[in-house]
C-alpha atoms as a PDB file:
ATOM      1  CA  UNK A   1      15.961  -5.899   2.268  1.00  0.00           C
ATOM      2  CA  UNK A   2      18.232  -3.139   0.944  1.00  0.00           C
ATOM      3  CA  UNK A   3      18.786   0.101   2.847  1.00  0.00           C
ATOM      4  CA  UNK A   4      16.316   2.796   1.931  1.00  0.00           C
ATOM      5  CA  UNK A   5      17.905   5.891   0.346  1.00  0.00           C
ATOM      6  CA  UNK A   6      17.086   9.247   1.865  1.00  0.00           C
ATOM      7  CA  UNK A   7      17.462  11.920  -0.805  1.00  0.00           C
ATOM      8  CA  UNK A   8      14.666  14.393  -0.074  1.00  0.00           C
ATOM      9  CA  UNK A   9      15.507  16.855  -2.869  1.00  0.00           C
ATOM     10  CA  UNK A  10      15.491  14.097  -5.488  1.00  0.00           C
ATOM     11  CA  UNK A  11      12.251  12.734  -4.064  1.00  0.00           C
ATOM     12  CA  UNK A  12      10.623  16.174  -4.056  1.00  0.00           C
ATOM     13  CA  UNK A  13      11.720  16.829  -7.653  1.00  0.00           C
ATOM     14  CA  UNK A  14      10.163  13.591  -8.865  1.00  0.00           C
ATOM     15  CA  UNK A  15       6.964  14.327  -6.921  1.00  0.00           C
ATOM     16  CA  UNK A  16       6.685  17.747  -8.571  1.00  0.00           C
ATOM     17  CA  UNK A  17       6.880  16.063 -11.984  1.00  0.00           C
ATOM     18  CA  UNK A  18       4.278  13.561 -10.806  1.00  0.00           C
ATOM     19  CA  UNK A  19       1.990  16.371  -9.681  1.00  0.00           C
ATOM     20  CA  UNK A  20       2.198  18.117 -13.050  1.00  0.00           C
ATOM     21  CA  UNK A  21       1.290  14.894 -14.844  1.00  0.00           C
ATOM     22  CA  UNK A  22      -1.733  14.310 -12.618  1.00  0.00           C
ATOM     23  CA  UNK A  23      -2.971  17.883 -13.114  1.00  0.00           C
ATOM     24  CA  UNK A  24      -3.070  17.086 -16.822  1.00  0.00           C
ATOM     25  CA  UNK A  25      -4.783  13.761 -16.042  1.00  0.00           C
ATOM     26  CA  UNK A  26      -7.573  15.431 -14.098  1.00  0.00           C
ATOM     27  CA  UNK A  27      -8.212  18.080 -16.748  1.00  0.00           C
ATOM     28  CA  UNK A  28      -8.449  15.434 -19.482  1.00  0.00           C
ATOM     29  CA  UNK A  29     -10.798  13.162 -17.510  1.00  0.00           C
ATOM     30  CA  UNK A  30     -13.137  16.061 -16.787  1.00  0.00           C
ATOM     31  CA  UNK A  31     -13.128  16.970 -20.468  1.00  0.00           C
ATOM     32  CA  UNK A  32     -14.121  13.423 -21.499  1.00  0.00           C
ATOM     33  CA  UNK A  33     -17.317  13.702 -19.439  1.00  0.00           C
ATOM     34  CA  UNK A  34     -19.607  11.000 -18.073  1.00  0.00           C
ATOM     35  CA  UNK A  35     -21.112   9.293 -21.145  1.00  0.00           C
ATOM     36  CA  UNK A  36     -19.050   6.151 -20.522  1.00  0.00           C
ATOM     37  CA  UNK A  37     -19.456   4.217 -17.233  1.00  0.00           C
ATOM     38  CA  UNK A  38     -16.718   4.754 -14.631  1.00  0.00           C
ATOM     39  CA  UNK A  39     -15.560   1.111 -14.770  1.00  0.00           C
ATOM     40  CA  UNK A  40     -15.215   1.274 -18.561  1.00  0.00           C
ATOM     41  CA  UNK A  41     -13.303   4.578 -18.538  1.00  0.00           C
ATOM     42  CA  UNK A  42     -10.953   3.194 -15.894  1.00  0.00           C
ATOM     43  CA  UNK A  43     -10.422   0.008 -17.890  1.00  0.00           C
ATOM     44  CA  UNK A  44      -9.737   1.840 -21.169  1.00  0.00           C
ATOM     45  CA  UNK A  45      -7.287   4.151 -19.414  1.00  0.00           C
ATOM     46  CA  UNK A  46      -5.254   1.169 -18.184  1.00  0.00           C
ATOM     47  CA  UNK A  47      -5.665  -0.971 -21.292  1.00  0.00           C
ATOM     48  CA  UNK A  48      -4.346   1.771 -23.595  1.00  0.00           C
ATOM     49  CA  UNK A  49      -1.584   2.533 -21.099  1.00  0.00           C
ATOM     50  CA  UNK A  50      -0.107  -0.981 -21.245  1.00  0.00           C
ATOM     51  CA  UNK A  51       1.959   0.006 -24.273  1.00  0.00           C
ATOM     52  CA  UNK A  52       4.008   2.357 -22.066  1.00  0.00           C
ATOM     53  CA  UNK A  53       4.970  -0.314 -19.522  1.00  0.00           C
ATOM     54  CA  UNK A  54       6.216  -3.008 -21.929  1.00  0.00           C
ATOM     55  CA  UNK A  55       9.834  -2.830 -20.617  1.00  0.00           C
ATOM     56  CA  UNK A  56       8.570  -3.546 -17.112  1.00  0.00           C
ATOM     57  CA  UNK A  57       6.349  -6.350 -18.422  1.00  0.00           C
ATOM     58  CA  UNK A  58       9.349  -7.980 -20.114  1.00  0.00           C
ATOM     59  CA  UNK A  59      11.292  -7.738 -16.850  1.00  0.00           C
ATOM     60  CA  UNK A  60       8.466  -9.488 -15.011  1.00  0.00           C
ATOM     61  CA  UNK A  61       8.407 -12.260 -17.623  1.00  0.00           C
ATOM     62  CA  UNK A  62      12.189 -12.780 -17.512  1.00  0.00           C
ATOM     63  CA  UNK A  63      12.378 -12.724 -13.732  1.00  0.00           C
ATOM     64  CA  UNK A  64       8.997 -13.687 -12.226  1.00  0.00           C
ATOM     65  CA  UNK A  65       8.471 -12.331  -8.707  1.00  0.00           C
ATOM     66  CA  UNK A  66       8.452 -14.666  -5.719  1.00  0.00           C
ATOM     67  CA  UNK A  67       5.171 -15.411  -3.964  1.00  0.00           C
ATOM     68  CA  UNK A  68       5.428 -12.608  -1.318  1.00  0.00           C
ATOM     69  CA  UNK A  69       6.061  -9.984  -4.002  1.00  0.00           C
ATOM     70  CA  UNK A  70       3.393 -11.467  -6.252  1.00  0.00           C
ATOM     71  CA  UNK A  71       0.918 -11.187  -3.389  1.00  0.00           C
ATOM     72  CA  UNK A  72       1.814  -7.531  -2.848  1.00  0.00           C
ATOM     73  CA  UNK A  73       1.408  -6.811  -6.562  1.00  0.00           C
ATOM     74  CA  UNK A  74      -1.999  -8.503  -6.528  1.00  0.00           C
ATOM     75  CA  UNK A  75      -3.272  -6.759  -3.392  1.00  0.00           C
ATOM     76  CA  UNK A  76      -2.112  -3.416  -4.721  1.00  0.00           C
ATOM     77  CA  UNK A  77      -3.790  -4.088  -8.068  1.00  0.00           C
ATOM     78  CA  UNK A  78      -7.142  -4.841  -6.439  1.00  0.00           C
ATOM     79  CA  UNK A  79      -6.951  -1.815  -4.120  1.00  0.00           C
ATOM     80  CA  UNK A  80      -5.899   0.518  -6.912  1.00  0.00           C
ATOM     81  CA  UNK A  81      -8.499  -0.802  -9.353  1.00  0.00           C
ATOM     82  CA  UNK A  82     -11.348  -0.069  -6.949  1.00  0.00           C
ATOM     83  CA  UNK A  83      -9.806   3.268  -5.987  1.00  0.00           C
ATOM     84  CA  UNK A  84      -9.588   4.346  -9.630  1.00  0.00           C
ATOM     85  CA  UNK A  85     -13.127   3.198 -10.389  1.00  0.00           C
ATOM     86  CA  UNK A  86     -14.549   5.033  -7.367  1.00  0.00           C
ATOM     87  CA  UNK A  87     -12.573   8.150  -8.339  1.00  0.00           C
ATOM     88  CA  UNK A  88     -13.833   8.141 -11.950  1.00  0.00           C
ATOM     89  CA  UNK A  89     -17.392   7.794 -10.665  1.00  0.00           C
ATOM     90  CA  UNK A  90     -16.972  10.609  -8.137  1.00  0.00           C
ATOM     91  CA  UNK A  91     -15.605  12.892 -10.865  1.00  0.00           C
ATOM     92  CA  UNK A  92     -18.910  12.526 -12.752  1.00  0.00           C
ATOM     93  CA  UNK A  93     -21.153  13.046  -9.710  1.00  0.00           C
ATOM     94  CA  UNK A  94     -19.699  15.868  -7.610  1.00  0.00           C
ATOM     95  CA  UNK A  95     -17.739  19.053  -8.212  1.00  0.00           C
ATOM     96  CA  UNK A  96     -13.976  19.263  -8.607  1.00  0.00           C
ATOM     97  CA  UNK A  97     -13.812  21.279  -5.362  1.00  0.00           C
ATOM     98  CA  UNK A  98     -15.555  18.491  -3.447  1.00  0.00           C
ATOM     99  CA  UNK A  99     -13.393  15.780  -4.998  1.00  0.00           C
ATOM    100  CA  UNK A 100     -10.355  17.868  -4.055  1.00  0.00           C
ATOM    101  CA  UNK A 101     -11.494  18.278  -0.469  1.00  0.00           C
ATOM    102  CA  UNK A 102     -12.124  14.572  -0.023  1.00  0.00           C
ATOM    103  CA  UNK A 103      -8.886  13.605  -1.753  1.00  0.00           C
ATOM    104  CA  UNK A 104      -7.035  15.567   0.924  1.00  0.00           C
ATOM    105  CA  UNK A 105      -7.927  12.650   3.176  1.00  0.00           C
ATOM    106  CA  UNK A 106      -5.564  10.413   1.192  1.00  0.00           C
ATOM    107  CA  UNK A 107      -2.298  11.948   2.499  1.00  0.00           C
ATOM    108  CA  UNK A 108      -3.737  11.587   6.010  1.00  0.00           C
ATOM    109  CA  UNK A 109      -4.145   7.849   5.489  1.00  0.00           C
ATOM    110  CA  UNK A 110      -0.738   7.576   3.813  1.00  0.00           C
ATOM    111  CA  UNK A 111       1.134   9.536   6.473  1.00  0.00           C
ATOM    112  CA  UNK A 112      -0.460   7.605   9.328  1.00  0.00           C
ATOM    113  CA  UNK A 113       0.127   4.323   7.511  1.00  0.00           C
ATOM    114  CA  UNK A 114       3.787   5.191   6.898  1.00  0.00           C
ATOM    115  CA  UNK A 115       4.227   5.807  10.616  1.00  0.00           C
ATOM    116  CA  UNK A 116       2.406   2.607  11.621  1.00  0.00           C
ATOM    117  CA  UNK A 117       3.846   0.181   9.061  1.00  0.00           C
ATOM    118  CA  UNK A 118       7.204   1.671   8.055  1.00  0.00           C
ATOM    119  CA  UNK A 119       8.198   3.335  11.317  1.00  0.00           C
ATOM    120  CA  UNK A 120       8.545   6.753   9.703  1.00  0.00           C
ATOM    121  CA  UNK A 121       8.791   9.568  12.209  1.00  0.00           C
ATOM    122  CA  UNK A 122       5.606  11.619  12.596  1.00  0.00           C
ATOM    123  CA  UNK A 123       6.953  15.100  13.227  1.00  0.00           C
ATOM    124  CA  UNK A 124       4.841  17.824  14.822  1.00  0.00           C
ATOM    125  CA  UNK A 125       4.548  19.751  11.546  1.00  0.00           C
ATOM    126  CA  UNK A 126       3.149  16.656   9.838  1.00  0.00           C
ATOM    127  CA  UNK A 127       0.632  16.142  12.628  1.00  0.00           C
ATOM    128  CA  UNK A 128      -0.423  19.789  12.191  1.00  0.00           C
ATOM    129  CA  UNK A 129      -0.749  19.286   8.426  1.00  0.00           C
ATOM    130  CA  UNK A 130      -2.915  16.188   8.974  1.00  0.00           C
ATOM    131  CA  UNK A 131      -5.199  18.121  11.329  1.00  0.00           C
ATOM    132  CA  UNK A 132      -5.460  21.036   8.892  1.00  0.00           C
ATOM    133  CA  UNK A 133      -6.329  18.738   5.975  1.00  0.00           C
ATOM    134  CA  UNK A 134      -9.001  16.969   8.018  1.00  0.00           C
ATOM    135  CA  UNK A 135     -10.580  20.222   9.233  1.00  0.00           C
ATOM    136  CA  UNK A 136     -10.480  21.687   5.729  1.00  0.00           C
ATOM    137  CA  UNK A 137     -12.274  18.677   4.270  1.00  0.00           C
ATOM    138  CA  UNK A 138     -14.977  18.904   6.938  1.00  0.00           C
ATOM    139  CA  UNK A 139     -15.484  22.636   6.292  1.00  0.00           C
ATOM    140  CA  UNK A 140     -16.031  22.086   2.580  1.00  0.00           C
ATOM    141  CA  UNK A 141     -18.186  18.971   2.922  1.00  0.00           C
ATOM    142  CA  UNK A 142     -20.251  20.264   5.905  1.00  0.00           C
ATOM    143  CA  UNK A 143     -21.437  16.837   7.126  1.00  0.00           C
ATOM    144  CA  UNK A 144     -24.674  17.098   9.114  1.00  0.00           C
ATOM    145  CA  UNK A 145     -25.732  20.253   7.255  1.00  0.00           C
ATOM    146  CA  UNK A 146     -26.458  18.553   3.939  1.00  0.00           C
ATOM    147  CA  UNK A 147     -26.928  15.106   2.516  1.00  0.00           C
ATOM    148  CA  UNK A 148     -23.819  13.331   1.247  1.00  0.00           C
ATOM    149  CA  UNK A 149     -24.420  11.827  -2.195  1.00  0.00           C
ATOM    150  CA  UNK A 150     -23.142   8.610  -3.732  1.00  0.00           C
ATOM    151  CA  UNK A 151     -20.366  10.710  -5.269  1.00  0.00           C
ATOM    152  CA  UNK A 152     -19.140  11.730  -1.816  1.00  0.00           C
ATOM    153  CA  UNK A 153     -19.290   8.161  -0.521  1.00  0.00           C
ATOM    154  CA  UNK A 154     -17.462   6.969  -3.625  1.00  0.00           C
ATOM    155  CA  UNK A 155     -14.679   9.468  -3.003  1.00  0.00           C
ATOM    156  CA  UNK A 156     -14.303   8.295   0.616  1.00  0.00           C
ATOM    157  CA  UNK A 157     -13.682   4.746  -0.618  1.00  0.00           C
ATOM    158  CA  UNK A 158     -11.401   6.024  -3.388  1.00  0.00           C
ATOM    159  CA  UNK A 159      -9.187   7.851  -0.888  1.00  0.00           C
ATOM    160  CA  UNK A 160      -8.940   4.750   1.311  1.00  0.00           C
ATOM    161  CA  UNK A 161      -8.137   2.397  -1.566  1.00  0.00           C
ATOM    162  CA  UNK A 162      -5.615   4.725  -3.197  1.00  0.00           C
ATOM    163  CA  UNK A 163      -3.957   5.376   0.162  1.00  0.00           C
ATOM    164  CA  UNK A 164      -3.466   1.624   0.592  1.00  0.00           C
ATOM    165  CA  UNK A 165      -2.045   1.429  -2.939  1.00  0.00           C
ATOM    166  CA  UNK A 166       0.548   4.145  -2.262  1.00  0.00           C
ATOM    167  CA  UNK A 167       1.712   2.444   0.924  1.00  0.00           C
ATOM    168  CA  UNK A 168       2.182  -0.863  -0.888  1.00  0.00           C
ATOM    169  CA  UNK A 169       4.036   0.982  -3.662  1.00  0.00           C
ATOM    170  CA  UNK A 170       6.476   2.351  -1.098  1.00  0.00           C
ATOM    171  CA  UNK A 171       7.059  -1.154   0.267  1.00  0.00           C
ATOM    172  CA  UNK A 172       7.663  -2.479  -3.254  1.00  0.00           C
ATOM    173  CA  UNK A 173      10.376   0.110  -3.965  1.00  0.00           C
ATOM    174  CA  UNK A 174      12.609  -1.785  -1.526  1.00  0.00           C
ATOM    175  CA  UNK A 175      12.624  -4.824  -3.825  1.00  0.00           C
ATOM    176  CA  UNK A 176      11.803  -3.790  -7.409  1.00  0.00           C
ATOM    177  CA  UNK A 177      12.493  -1.034  -9.925  1.00  0.00           C
ATOM    178  CA  UNK A 178       9.942   1.716 -10.554  1.00  0.00           C
ATOM    179  CA  UNK A 179       9.362   0.470 -14.122  1.00  0.00           C
ATOM    180  CA  UNK A 180       8.558  -3.033 -12.849  1.00  0.00           C
ATOM    181  CA  UNK A 181       6.264  -1.733 -10.100  1.00  0.00           C
ATOM    182  CA  UNK A 182       4.256   0.441 -12.510  1.00  0.00           C
ATOM    183  CA  UNK A 183       4.044  -2.425 -15.035  1.00  0.00           C
ATOM    184  CA  UNK A 184       2.791  -4.884 -12.416  1.00  0.00           C
ATOM    185  CA  UNK A 185       0.180  -2.394 -11.235  1.00  0.00           C
ATOM    186  CA  UNK A 186      -0.995  -1.725 -14.794  1.00  0.00           C
ATOM    187  CA  UNK A 187      -1.418  -5.434 -15.555  1.00  0.00           C
ATOM    188  CA  UNK A 188      -3.196  -6.140 -12.259  1.00  0.00           C
ATOM    189  CA  UNK A 189      -5.549  -3.147 -12.481  1.00  0.00           C
ATOM    190  CA  UNK A 190      -6.443  -3.890 -16.116  1.00  0.00           C
ATOM    191  CA  UNK A 191      -7.240  -7.512 -15.207  1.00  0.00           C
ATOM    192  CA  UNK A 192      -9.420  -6.544 -12.239  1.00  0.00           C
ATOM    193  CA  UNK A 193     -11.334  -3.878 -14.177  1.00  0.00           C
ATOM    194  CA  UNK A 194     -11.933  -5.963 -17.334  1.00  0.00           C
ATOM    195  CA  UNK A 195     -15.013  -7.946 -16.145  1.00  0.00           C
ATOM    196  CA  UNK A 196     -16.520  -4.852 -14.518  1.00  0.00           C
ATOM    197  CA  UNK A 197     -16.096  -2.858 -17.740  1.00  0.00           C
ATOM    198  CA  UNK A 198     -17.570  -5.625 -19.912  1.00  0.00           C
ATOM    199  CA  UNK A 199     -20.647  -5.793 -17.656  1.00  0.00           C
ATOM    200  CA  UNK A 200     -21.514  -2.140 -18.329  1.00  0.00           C
ATOM    201  CA  UNK A 201     -19.921  -1.676 -21.771  1.00  0.00           C
ATOM    202  CA  UNK A 202     -21.023   1.247 -23.931  1.00  0.00           C
ATOM    203  CA  UNK A 203     -19.473   1.491 -27.429  1.00  0.00           C
ATOM    204  CA  UNK A 204     -16.947   4.358 -27.193  1.00  0.00           C
ATOM    205  CA  UNK A 205     -16.258   6.836 -29.960  1.00  0.00           C
ATOM    206  CA  UNK A 206     -12.769   7.078 -31.427  1.00  0.00           C
ATOM    207  CA  UNK A 207     -12.489  10.525 -29.878  1.00  0.00           C
ATOM    208  CA  UNK A 208     -13.213   9.129 -26.400  1.00  0.00           C
ATOM    209  CA  UNK A 209     -10.649   6.365 -26.910  1.00  0.00           C
ATOM    210  CA  UNK A 210      -8.130   8.990 -27.982  1.00  0.00           C
ATOM    211  CA  UNK A 211      -8.754  11.170 -24.946  1.00  0.00           C
ATOM    212  CA  UNK A 212      -8.487   8.177 -22.596  1.00  0.00           C
ATOM    213  CA  UNK A 213      -5.228   7.212 -24.301  1.00  0.00           C
ATOM    214  CA  UNK A 214      -3.985  10.723 -23.474  1.00  0.00           C
ATOM    215  CA  UNK A 215      -5.102  10.147 -19.880  1.00  0.00           C
ATOM    216  CA  UNK A 216      -2.977   6.983 -19.918  1.00  0.00           C
ATOM    217  CA  UNK A 217       0.052   8.945 -21.177  1.00  0.00           C
ATOM    218  CA  UNK A 218      -0.201  11.522 -18.387  1.00  0.00           C
ATOM    219  CA  UNK A 219      -1.169   9.090 -15.624  1.00  0.00           C
ATOM    220  CA  UNK A 220       1.471   6.455 -16.437  1.00  0.00           C
ATOM    221  CA  UNK A 221       4.152   9.154 -16.490  1.00  0.00           C
ATOM    222  CA  UNK A 222       2.829  10.424 -13.174  1.00  0.00           C
ATOM    223  CA  UNK A 223       2.937   6.956 -11.634  1.00  0.00           C
ATOM    224  CA  UNK A 224       6.513   6.416 -12.743  1.00  0.00           C
ATOM    225  CA  UNK A 225       7.589   9.780 -11.313  1.00  0.00           C
ATOM    226  CA  UNK A 226       5.704   9.079  -8.066  1.00  0.00           C
ATOM    227  CA  UNK A 227       7.393   5.685  -7.677  1.00  0.00           C
ATOM    228  CA  UNK A 228      10.799   7.271  -8.298  1.00  0.00           C
ATOM    229  CA  UNK A 229       9.953   9.796  -5.578  1.00  0.00           C
ATOM    230  CA  UNK A 230       9.049   7.026  -3.121  1.00  0.00           C
ATOM    231  CA  UNK A 231      12.297   5.228  -3.990  1.00  0.00           C
ATOM    232  CA  UNK A 232      14.373   8.267  -3.006  1.00  0.00           C
ATOM    233  CA  UNK A 233      12.699   9.687   0.104  1.00  0.00           C
ATOM    234  CA  UNK A 234      10.331   8.800   2.980  1.00  0.00           C
ATOM    235  CA  UNK A 235       6.745   8.614   1.780  1.00  0.00           C
ATOM    236  CA  UNK A 236       5.432  11.028   4.431  1.00  0.00           C
ATOM    237  CA  UNK A 237       8.007  13.614   3.361  1.00  0.00           C
ATOM    238  CA  UNK A 238       6.998  13.714  -0.299  1.00  0.00           C
ATOM    239  CA  UNK A 239       3.423  12.439  -0.669  1.00  0.00           C
ATOM    240  CA  UNK A 240       1.577  15.473   0.662  1.00  0.00           C
ATOM    241  CA  UNK A 241       3.635  17.756  -1.612  1.00  0.00           C
ATOM    242  CA  UNK A 242       1.597  16.787  -4.652  1.00  0.00           C
ATOM    243  CA  UNK A 243      -1.708  18.049  -3.272  1.00  0.00           C
ATOM    244  CA  UNK A 244      -0.935  21.784  -2.967  1.00  0.00           C
ATOM    245  CA  UNK A 245       0.419  21.788  -6.545  1.00  0.00           C
ATOM    246  CA  UNK A 246      -3.053  21.865  -8.015  1.00  0.00           C
ATOM    247  CA  UNK A 247      -3.785  25.255  -6.561  1.00  0.00           C
ATOM    248  CA  UNK A 248      -1.081  26.845  -8.732  1.00  0.00           C
ATOM    249  CA  UNK A 249      -2.110  25.749 -12.220  1.00  0.00           C
ATOM    250  CA  UNK A 250      -4.982  26.848 -14.406  1.00  0.00           C
ATOM    251  CA  UNK A 251      -6.608  24.326 -16.717  1.00  0.00           C
ATOM    252  CA  UNK A 252      -9.188  24.730 -19.485  1.00  0.00           C
ATOM    253  CA  UNK A 253     -12.953  24.276 -19.523  1.00  0.00           C
ATOM    254  CA  UNK A 254     -13.642  26.160 -16.294  1.00  0.00           C
ATOM    255  CA  UNK A 255     -12.053  23.679 -13.892  1.00  0.00           C
ATOM    256  CA  UNK A 256     -11.416  24.845 -10.358  1.00  0.00           C
ATOM    257  CA  UNK A 257      -7.890  25.978  -9.479  1.00  0.00           C
ATOM    258  CA  UNK A 258      -8.160  23.792  -6.387  1.00  0.00           C
ATOM    259  CA  UNK A 259      -7.340  20.757  -8.487  1.00  0.00           C
ATOM    260  CA  UNK A 260      -7.184  17.269  -7.084  1.00  0.00           C
ATOM    261  CA  UNK A 261      -4.181  15.217  -8.108  1.00  0.00           C
ATOM    262  CA  UNK A 262      -5.488  11.682  -8.485  1.00  0.00           C
ATOM    263  CA  UNK A 263      -2.995   8.839  -8.763  1.00  0.00           C
ATOM    264  CA  UNK A 264      -5.106   7.000 -11.327  1.00  0.00           C
END
């Protein structure tokens, strides 16, 4: 295993780019609406996005990964596929503010996982940030004072699955290039989502296909930038940076400024 680089400024710069791309992703998904089932929207997003990862696909074909890496690619694909599907569903069932609050649980899972599995140091300021994120989510969700809907439960699972995906992505950066990692994820997620999408298929309009293609443009760019960030700095140092970004950008159609940055 090669030595991990530690270039925080480079990692932060790539994560800022990633955050901008995912702001655009969220705005576009909300604009598309909920006429299409979540599994189908997720599938179309990844299917149309395959065109952007062809260089990585060719690399995988020329130099097939060994079994351990193939297993990691597969596990990440399954986790990410379910995370994306749960997130798309939650976006159609609950408000942006609630999705944002629950998505703040993801950096908690990622930071704790980085400390447990990668031995990354859990500094006091990061512990304080974890506590603040957890308390903030509880304040907004108010468990015990109201009923949590299927949208809330879906977002809990989405945060868990996506957190697992990010941790595996960090592990993969030790062995593969960002382009290859994003390509492998795109292929795996598309394959996992295909039967689920077919089971609930609703004929999409050309406009919906076009908007989901735009989602693929933004999200694939965001994934590449995120993987570059993980390749240059510790995951706990850069992952949480993306979440506050949403509070500084306005988007159309009345979306909340407290935007969630989904890695879909």
